């Protein structure tokens, strides 16, 4: 939107329906705000997940370290292409 009246006339804008222009950031947010109970619930849920979720359990880490010993061994003889 062009604020300069002379520039509006120069490019052919003859009528502006509303003369009051607000700069970016001047208008106060008028949207919906979540209730405090909902915000508290979300924060508590995030904390529960942060404290209880892990990437690997001790058992999984044990299996990974054990697998390193055997991953290069071939326990199954696969048939070759001509077979």
N, C-alpha and C. Protein backbone atom coordinates (compact mmCIF):
# COMPACT_ATOMS: atom_id res chain seq x y z
N UNK A 1 0.85 -1.16 0.00
CA UNK A 1 0.00 0.00 0.00
C UNK A 1 0.91 1.23 0.00
N UNK A 2 0.61 2.17 -0.83
CA UNK A 2 1.42 3.38 -0.92
C UNK A 2 0.91 4.43 0.04
N UNK A 3 1.80 4.93 0.88
CA UNK A 3 1.42 5.95 1.86
C UNK A 3 1.52 7.36 1.31
N UNK A 4 2.41 7.56 0.38
CA UNK A 4 2.65 8.90 -0.16
C UNK A 4 1.52 9.26 -1.14
N UNK A 5 0.78 10.32 -0.81
CA UNK A 5 -0.37 10.73 -1.62
C UNK A 5 0.06 11.10 -3.04
N UNK A 6 1.17 11.79 -3.20
CA UNK A 6 1.65 12.18 -4.54
C UNK A 6 2.00 10.94 -5.37
N UNK A 7 2.58 9.94 -4.74
CA UNK A 7 2.94 8.71 -5.46
C UNK A 7 1.69 7.94 -5.88
N UNK A 8 0.66 7.93 -5.03
CA UNK A 8 -0.60 7.29 -5.40
C UNK A 8 -1.21 7.98 -6.61
N UNK A 9 -1.20 9.31 -6.63
CA UNK A 9 -1.75 10.04 -7.77
C UNK A 9 -0.92 9.81 -9.03
N UNK A 10 0.40 9.70 -8.88
CA UNK A 10 1.29 9.50 -10.03
C UNK A 10 0.99 8.19 -10.75
N UNK A 11 0.68 7.13 -9.98
CA UNK A 11 0.43 5.84 -10.64
C UNK A 11 -1.05 5.60 -10.91
N UNK A 12 -1.90 6.58 -10.60
CA UNK A 12 -3.30 6.49 -11.01
C UNK A 12 -4.25 5.98 -9.94
N UNK A 13 -3.84 5.92 -8.69
CA UNK A 13 -4.77 5.54 -7.63
C UNK A 13 -5.49 6.81 -7.19
N UNK A 14 -6.76 6.93 -7.58
CA UNK A 14 -7.50 8.16 -7.34
C UNK A 14 -8.26 8.14 -6.02
N UNK A 15 -8.60 6.96 -5.51
CA UNK A 15 -9.41 6.90 -4.30
C UNK A 15 -8.83 5.84 -3.35
N UNK A 16 -8.70 6.22 -2.11
CA UNK A 16 -8.28 5.30 -1.07
C UNK A 16 -9.42 5.22 -0.08
N UNK A 17 -9.87 3.99 0.20
CA UNK A 17 -11.06 3.84 1.04
C UNK A 17 -10.79 4.19 2.49
N UNK A 18 -9.59 3.94 2.98
CA UNK A 18 -9.27 4.23 4.38
C UNK A 18 -7.96 4.99 4.42
N UNK A 19 -7.97 6.15 5.03
CA UNK A 19 -6.78 7.01 5.06
C UNK A 19 -5.83 6.68 6.20
N UNK A 20 -6.28 5.97 7.23
CA UNK A 20 -5.39 5.69 8.36
C UNK A 20 -4.55 4.46 8.05
N UNK A 21 -3.24 4.66 8.00
CA UNK A 21 -2.31 3.57 7.72
C UNK A 21 -1.54 3.24 8.99
N UNK A 22 -1.38 1.97 9.24
CA UNK A 22 -0.60 1.56 10.40
C UNK A 22 0.72 0.97 9.92
N UNK A 23 1.80 1.40 10.54
CA UNK A 23 3.10 0.81 10.23
C UNK A 23 3.16 -0.59 10.78
N UNK A 24 4.02 -1.40 10.18
CA UNK A 24 4.18 -2.77 10.64
C UNK A 24 4.64 -2.78 12.10
N UNK A 25 3.97 -3.57 12.95
CA UNK A 25 4.33 -3.66 14.34
C UNK A 25 3.55 -2.73 15.25
N UNK A 26 2.80 -1.78 14.69
CA UNK A 26 2.03 -0.85 15.52
C UNK A 26 0.74 -1.48 16.03
N UNK A 27 0.18 -2.38 15.26
CA UNK A 27 -1.09 -2.99 15.63
C UNK A 27 -0.86 -4.06 16.69
N UNK A 28 -1.70 -4.09 17.70
CA UNK A 28 -1.61 -5.08 18.77
C UNK A 28 -2.30 -6.36 18.31
N UNK A 29 -1.71 -7.51 18.64
CA UNK A 29 -2.26 -8.81 18.25
C UNK A 29 -3.65 -8.98 18.85
N UNK A 30 -4.62 -9.31 18.02
CA UNK A 30 -6.00 -9.42 18.46
C UNK A 30 -6.53 -10.85 18.30
N UNK A 31 -5.66 -11.84 18.19
CA UNK A 31 -6.09 -13.22 17.97
C UNK A 31 -6.48 -13.92 19.26
N UNK A 32 -6.70 -15.22 19.14
CA UNK A 32 -7.09 -16.02 20.30
C UNK A 32 -5.86 -16.34 21.14
N UNK A 33 -6.01 -16.27 22.42
CA UNK A 33 -4.95 -16.63 23.36
C UNK A 33 -5.39 -17.90 24.09
N UNK A 34 -4.48 -18.87 24.25
CA UNK A 34 -4.87 -20.09 24.95
C UNK A 34 -5.09 -19.83 26.44
N UNK A 35 -5.94 -20.65 27.03
CA UNK A 35 -6.21 -20.55 28.47
C UNK A 35 -4.97 -20.96 29.25
N UNK A 36 -4.82 -20.42 30.45
CA UNK A 36 -3.66 -20.76 31.28
C UNK A 36 -3.62 -22.23 31.62
N UNK A 37 -4.77 -22.86 31.82
CA UNK A 37 -4.79 -24.29 32.14
C UNK A 37 -4.24 -25.12 30.98
N UNK A 38 -4.58 -24.73 29.75
CA UNK A 38 -4.08 -25.45 28.58
C UNK A 38 -2.57 -25.26 28.45
N UNK A 39 -2.10 -24.04 28.64
CA UNK A 39 -0.66 -23.76 28.55
C UNK A 39 0.11 -24.54 29.60
N UNK A 40 -0.41 -24.59 30.83
CA UNK A 40 0.24 -25.35 31.90
C UNK A 40 0.28 -26.83 31.57
N UNK A 41 -0.82 -27.35 30.99
CA UNK A 41 -0.87 -28.76 30.61
C UNK A 41 0.18 -29.08 29.54
N UNK A 42 0.31 -28.21 28.55
CA UNK A 42 1.29 -28.43 27.48
C UNK A 42 2.72 -28.41 28.04
N UNK A 43 3.01 -27.47 28.90
CA UNK A 43 4.35 -27.38 29.51
C UNK A 43 4.65 -28.63 30.33
N UNK A 44 3.66 -29.10 31.11
CA UNK A 44 3.84 -30.31 31.92
C UNK A 44 4.04 -31.53 31.03
N UNK A 45 3.28 -31.61 29.93
CA UNK A 45 3.42 -32.74 29.00
C UNK A 45 4.80 -32.76 28.36
N UNK A 46 5.32 -31.60 27.99
CA UNK A 46 6.66 -31.53 27.42
C UNK A 46 7.71 -32.01 28.41
N UNK A 47 7.55 -31.63 29.67
CA UNK A 47 8.50 -32.05 30.70
C UNK A 47 8.46 -33.56 30.90
N UNK A 48 7.25 -34.14 30.89
CA UNK A 48 7.12 -35.59 31.06
C UNK A 48 7.82 -36.30 29.91
N UNK A 49 7.58 -35.84 28.68
CA UNK A 49 8.22 -36.47 27.52
C UNK A 49 9.74 -36.30 27.57
N UNK A 50 10.19 -35.12 27.94
CA UNK A 50 11.63 -34.86 27.99
C UNK A 50 12.32 -35.76 29.02
N UNK A 51 11.64 -36.02 30.13
CA UNK A 51 12.24 -36.82 31.19
C UNK A 51 12.09 -38.32 30.99
N UNK A 52 11.12 -38.77 30.16
CA UNK A 52 10.89 -40.20 30.04
C UNK A 52 11.30 -40.80 28.70
N UNK A 53 11.47 -39.99 27.68
CA UNK A 53 11.85 -40.53 26.38
C UNK A 53 13.37 -40.53 26.24
N UNK A 54 13.88 -41.64 25.71
CA UNK A 54 15.32 -41.75 25.46
C UNK A 54 15.53 -42.27 24.05
N UNK A 55 16.67 -41.98 23.50
CA UNK A 55 16.97 -42.46 22.16
C UNK A 55 17.25 -43.96 22.21
N UNK A 56 18.09 -44.39 23.14
CA UNK A 56 18.42 -45.80 23.31
C UNK A 56 18.31 -46.15 24.79
N UNK A 57 17.74 -47.32 25.06
CA UNK A 57 17.74 -47.82 26.43
C UNK A 57 19.06 -48.53 26.67
N UNK A 58 19.35 -48.89 27.91
CA UNK A 58 20.58 -49.61 28.22
C UNK A 58 20.61 -50.95 27.52
N UNK A 59 19.45 -51.61 27.43
CA UNK A 59 19.39 -52.92 26.74
C UNK A 59 19.72 -52.76 25.26
N UNK A 60 19.19 -51.72 24.63
CA UNK A 60 19.48 -51.50 23.21
C UNK A 60 20.95 -51.20 22.99
N UNK A 61 21.53 -50.39 23.85
CA UNK A 61 22.97 -50.09 23.73
C UNK A 61 23.80 -51.35 23.91
N UNK A 62 23.38 -52.24 24.81
CA UNK A 62 24.08 -53.51 25.00
C UNK A 62 24.01 -54.37 23.75
N UNK A 63 22.82 -54.43 23.13
CA UNK A 63 22.67 -55.21 21.90
C UNK A 63 23.51 -54.64 20.76
N UNK A 64 23.57 -53.32 20.66
CA UNK A 64 24.37 -52.69 19.61
C UNK A 64 25.84 -53.02 19.78
N UNK A 65 26.34 -52.94 21.01
CA UNK A 65 27.76 -53.26 21.23
C UNK A 65 28.02 -54.74 21.00
N UNK A 66 27.08 -55.61 21.35
CA UNK A 66 27.24 -57.04 21.11
C UNK A 66 27.21 -57.35 19.61
N UNK A 67 26.37 -56.65 18.86
CA UNK A 67 26.24 -56.89 17.43
C UNK A 67 27.53 -56.54 16.68
N UNK A 68 28.27 -55.54 17.16
CA UNK A 68 29.52 -55.15 16.50
C UNK A 68 30.48 -56.33 16.40
N UNK A 69 30.42 -57.23 17.39
CA UNK A 69 31.29 -58.40 17.40
C UNK A 69 30.91 -59.38 16.28
N UNK A 70 29.62 -59.49 15.96
CA UNK A 70 29.13 -60.51 15.03
C UNK A 70 28.69 -59.98 13.67
N UNK A 71 28.66 -58.66 13.46
CA UNK A 71 28.09 -58.14 12.22
C UNK A 71 28.88 -58.52 10.97
N UNK A 72 30.16 -58.79 11.10
CA UNK A 72 30.96 -59.15 9.92
C UNK A 72 30.90 -60.65 9.64
N UNK A 73 30.36 -61.46 10.55
CA UNK A 73 30.27 -62.91 10.35
C UNK A 73 29.04 -63.24 9.53
N UNK A 74 29.19 -64.27 8.68
CA UNK A 74 28.09 -64.70 7.83
C UNK A 74 27.57 -66.03 8.37
N UNK A 75 26.38 -66.03 8.96
CA UNK A 75 25.83 -67.23 9.55
C UNK A 75 24.92 -67.99 8.59
N UNK A 76 24.71 -67.44 7.44
CA UNK A 76 23.81 -68.04 6.47
C UNK A 76 24.50 -68.04 5.12
N UNK A 77 24.55 -69.17 4.48
CA UNK A 77 25.17 -69.26 3.15
C UNK A 77 24.09 -69.06 2.10
N UNK A 78 24.11 -67.91 1.45
CA UNK A 78 23.13 -67.60 0.42
C UNK A 78 23.56 -68.22 -0.89
N UNK A 79 22.61 -68.69 -1.68
CA UNK A 79 22.96 -69.29 -2.98
C UNK A 79 23.53 -68.22 -3.92
N UNK A 80 24.45 -68.63 -4.76
CA UNK A 80 25.00 -67.70 -5.73
C UNK A 80 24.05 -67.54 -6.89
N UNK A 81 24.32 -66.60 -7.78
CA UNK A 81 23.42 -66.29 -8.88
C UNK A 81 23.21 -67.50 -9.81
N UNK A 82 24.25 -68.24 -10.20
CA UNK A 82 24.02 -69.38 -11.10
C UNK A 82 23.17 -70.48 -10.45
N UNK A 83 23.22 -70.60 -9.14
CA UNK A 83 22.44 -71.65 -8.46
C UNK A 83 20.96 -71.31 -8.54
